[in-house]
Amino acid sequence: MAQYQPEQLGFLDKVSKDEQTSARHCGRSVKGFHTVKKGVFVLRRRFSAEGLLTVNRMVSNTVVGVQ
């Protein structure tokens, strides 16, 4: 790696997001009451993004909607 200048390096990162990402699988409630969970639910709608980051800027990015 020492032979490369910082401007020659790039880093790829891929992320995905759906509306259930932050949802919890378990919950708690007071004895005798049902657990109520409110949140957004969107079935089969997900986004994936990939980008190339360099020292100076974001060179390239792609966002794809998956259904």
N, C-alpha and C. Protein backbone atom coordinates (compact mmCIF):
# COMPACT_ATOMS: atom_id res chain seq x y z
N MET A 1 0.81 -1.20 0.00
CA MET A 1 0.00 0.00 0.00
C MET A 1 0.86 1.26 0.00
N ALA A 2 2.09 1.14 0.42
CA ALA A 2 2.93 2.33 0.50
C ALA A 2 3.24 2.94 -0.85
N GLN A 3 3.12 2.16 -1.93
CA GLN A 3 3.44 2.69 -3.25
C GLN A 3 2.31 3.56 -3.82
N TYR A 4 1.15 3.57 -3.20
CA TYR A 4 0.00 4.35 -3.70
C TYR A 4 -0.10 5.70 -3.01
N GLN A 5 -0.52 6.70 -3.77
CA GLN A 5 -0.80 8.02 -3.21
C GLN A 5 -2.22 7.99 -2.62
N PRO A 6 -2.53 8.83 -1.63
CA PRO A 6 -3.89 8.85 -1.05
C PRO A 6 -4.98 9.11 -2.10
N GLU A 7 -4.68 9.87 -3.13
CA GLU A 7 -5.66 10.17 -4.17
C GLU A 7 -5.97 8.95 -5.03
N GLN A 8 -5.13 7.92 -4.98
CA GLN A 8 -5.33 6.72 -5.78
C GLN A 8 -6.17 5.66 -5.06
N LEU A 9 -6.49 5.88 -3.80
CA LEU A 9 -7.25 4.90 -3.03
C LEU A 9 -8.74 5.21 -3.07
N GLY A 10 -9.54 4.16 -3.10
CA GLY A 10 -10.99 4.31 -3.06
C GLY A 10 -11.58 3.19 -2.21
N PHE A 11 -12.72 3.45 -1.59
CA PHE A 11 -13.35 2.49 -0.71
C PHE A 11 -14.79 2.28 -1.14
N LEU A 12 -15.19 1.02 -1.32
CA LEU A 12 -16.55 0.67 -1.70
C LEU A 12 -17.33 0.29 -0.46
N ASP A 13 -18.59 0.70 -0.42
CA ASP A 13 -19.46 0.33 0.69
C ASP A 13 -20.84 0.05 0.14
N LYS A 14 -21.49 -0.99 0.64
CA LYS A 14 -22.83 -1.34 0.20
C LYS A 14 -23.73 -1.39 1.43
N VAL A 15 -24.89 -0.77 1.33
CA VAL A 15 -25.86 -0.78 2.41
C VAL A 15 -27.24 -1.09 1.83
N SER A 16 -28.13 -1.58 2.68
CA SER A 16 -29.51 -1.78 2.27
C SER A 16 -30.44 -1.29 3.37
N LYS A 17 -31.63 -0.91 2.98
CA LYS A 17 -32.58 -0.32 3.93
C LYS A 17 -33.97 -0.78 3.57
N ASP A 18 -34.73 -1.19 4.57
CA ASP A 18 -36.15 -1.41 4.41
C ASP A 18 -36.85 -0.79 5.61
N GLU A 19 -38.15 -0.73 5.59
CA GLU A 19 -38.89 -0.06 6.67
C GLU A 19 -38.94 -0.89 7.94
N GLN A 20 -38.44 -2.11 7.92
CA GLN A 20 -38.44 -2.96 9.11
C GLN A 20 -37.09 -3.02 9.79
N THR A 21 -36.12 -2.27 9.32
CA THR A 21 -34.75 -2.36 9.82
C THR A 21 -34.65 -2.12 11.32
N SER A 22 -35.36 -1.13 11.83
CA SER A 22 -35.23 -0.80 13.25
C SER A 22 -36.30 -1.47 14.12
N ALA A 23 -37.06 -2.40 13.57
CA ALA A 23 -38.13 -3.04 14.33
C ALA A 23 -37.56 -4.04 15.33
N ARG A 24 -38.23 -4.14 16.47
CA ARG A 24 -37.84 -5.10 17.49
C ARG A 24 -38.65 -6.38 17.30
N HIS A 25 -38.08 -7.49 17.69
CA HIS A 25 -38.77 -8.77 17.56
C HIS A 25 -39.52 -9.15 18.82
N CYS A 26 -39.16 -8.59 19.95
CA CYS A 26 -39.79 -8.92 21.22
C CYS A 26 -40.23 -7.63 21.92
N GLY A 27 -41.19 -7.76 22.81
CA GLY A 27 -41.64 -6.60 23.56
C GLY A 27 -42.09 -7.00 24.96
N ARG A 28 -42.35 -6.02 25.80
CA ARG A 28 -42.80 -6.27 27.17
C ARG A 28 -44.02 -5.43 27.45
N SER A 29 -44.87 -5.93 28.32
CA SER A 29 -46.05 -5.16 28.73
C SER A 29 -46.35 -5.47 30.19
N VAL A 30 -47.23 -4.67 30.76
CA VAL A 30 -47.67 -4.87 32.13
C VAL A 30 -48.50 -6.16 32.19
N LYS A 31 -48.42 -6.87 33.27
CA LYS A 31 -49.13 -8.14 33.41
C LYS A 31 -50.64 -7.92 33.19
N GLY A 32 -51.21 -8.75 32.34
CA GLY A 32 -52.64 -8.66 32.05
C GLY A 32 -52.96 -7.85 30.81
N PHE A 33 -51.97 -7.24 30.18
CA PHE A 33 -52.18 -6.44 28.97
C PHE A 33 -51.37 -7.04 27.81
N HIS A 34 -51.89 -6.89 26.62
CA HIS A 34 -51.18 -7.34 25.43
C HIS A 34 -50.12 -6.31 25.04
N THR A 35 -49.05 -6.79 24.47
CA THR A 35 -48.01 -5.91 23.96
C THR A 35 -48.48 -5.28 22.66
N VAL A 36 -48.36 -3.96 22.56
CA VAL A 36 -48.76 -3.23 21.35
C VAL A 36 -47.49 -2.67 20.72
N LYS A 37 -47.35 -2.94 19.44
CA LYS A 37 -46.18 -2.46 18.71
C LYS A 37 -46.67 -1.65 17.52
N LYS A 38 -46.31 -0.38 17.47
CA LYS A 38 -46.69 0.47 16.36
C LYS A 38 -45.45 0.76 15.53
N GLY A 39 -45.62 0.72 14.22
CA GLY A 39 -44.49 0.99 13.35
C GLY A 39 -44.91 0.91 11.90
N VAL A 40 -44.00 1.30 11.04
CA VAL A 40 -44.25 1.28 9.61
C VAL A 40 -44.02 -0.14 9.10
N PHE A 41 -44.92 -0.61 8.27
CA PHE A 41 -44.75 -1.92 7.66
C PHE A 41 -44.97 -1.80 6.17
N VAL A 42 -43.91 -2.01 5.39
CA VAL A 42 -43.98 -1.99 3.94
C VAL A 42 -43.45 -3.32 3.46
N LEU A 43 -44.32 -4.12 2.87
CA LEU A 43 -43.95 -5.45 2.44
C LEU A 43 -43.17 -5.42 1.14
N ARG A 44 -42.03 -6.09 1.12
CA ARG A 44 -41.20 -6.29 -0.06
C ARG A 44 -40.71 -5.01 -0.73
N ARG A 45 -40.47 -3.96 -0.01
CA ARG A 45 -39.91 -2.76 -0.60
C ARG A 45 -38.59 -2.46 0.09
N ARG A 46 -37.50 -2.55 -0.65
CA ARG A 46 -36.17 -2.43 -0.07
C ARG A 46 -35.28 -1.65 -1.04
N PHE A 47 -34.34 -0.91 -0.50
CA PHE A 47 -33.40 -0.16 -1.31
C PHE A 47 -31.99 -0.61 -0.98
N SER A 48 -31.17 -0.77 -2.01
CA SER A 48 -29.75 -1.09 -1.84
C SER A 48 -28.94 0.03 -2.48
N ALA A 49 -27.87 0.42 -1.82
CA ALA A 49 -27.02 1.50 -2.33
C ALA A 49 -25.56 1.06 -2.24
N GLU A 50 -24.79 1.46 -3.24
CA GLU A 50 -23.36 1.18 -3.25
C GLU A 50 -22.64 2.43 -3.72
N GLY A 51 -21.53 2.77 -3.07
CA GLY A 51 -20.80 3.97 -3.44
C GLY A 51 -19.30 3.80 -3.34
N LEU A 52 -18.59 4.59 -4.13
CA LEU A 52 -17.13 4.61 -4.12
C LEU A 52 -16.69 5.95 -3.54
N LEU A 53 -16.02 5.89 -2.39
CA LEU A 53 -15.57 7.09 -1.68
C LEU A 53 -14.07 7.21 -1.79
N THR A 54 -13.59 8.41 -2.18
CA THR A 54 -12.16 8.68 -2.24
C THR A 54 -11.83 9.76 -1.22
N VAL A 55 -10.58 10.16 -1.18
CA VAL A 55 -10.15 11.20 -0.25
C VAL A 55 -10.86 12.52 -0.54
N ASN A 56 -11.07 12.83 -1.82
CA ASN A 56 -11.62 14.12 -2.21
C ASN A 56 -13.14 14.17 -2.29
N ARG A 57 -13.78 13.07 -2.69
CA ARG A 57 -15.23 13.14 -2.94
C ARG A 57 -15.80 11.75 -3.13
N MET A 58 -17.14 11.71 -3.26
CA MET A 58 -17.85 10.51 -3.65
C MET A 58 -17.79 10.43 -5.16
N VAL A 59 -17.13 9.43 -5.71
CA VAL A 59 -16.91 9.34 -7.16
C VAL A 59 -18.13 8.76 -7.85
N SER A 60 -18.69 7.71 -7.30
CA SER A 60 -19.79 7.02 -7.96
C SER A 60 -20.74 6.46 -6.92
N ASN A 61 -22.03 6.47 -7.22
CA ASN A 61 -22.99 5.80 -6.34
C ASN A 61 -24.15 5.27 -7.17
N THR A 62 -24.75 4.21 -6.67
CA THR A 62 -25.87 3.57 -7.33
C THR A 62 -26.90 3.20 -6.27
N VAL A 63 -28.17 3.52 -6.53
CA VAL A 63 -29.26 3.14 -5.64
C VAL A 63 -30.25 2.32 -6.46
N VAL A 64 -30.60 1.15 -5.94
CA VAL A 64 -31.51 0.24 -6.64
C VAL A 64 -32.69 -0.06 -5.73
N GLY A 65 -33.90 0.09 -6.23
CA GLY A 65 -35.09 -0.28 -5.49
C GLY A 65 -35.46 -1.72 -5.81
N VAL A 66 -35.56 -2.55 -4.79
CA VAL A 66 -35.88 -3.97 -4.98
C VAL A 66 -37.28 -4.20 -4.45
N GLN A 67 -38.12 -4.87 -5.22
CA GLN A 67 -39.48 -5.15 -4.76
C GLN A 67 -39.72 -6.61 -4.69
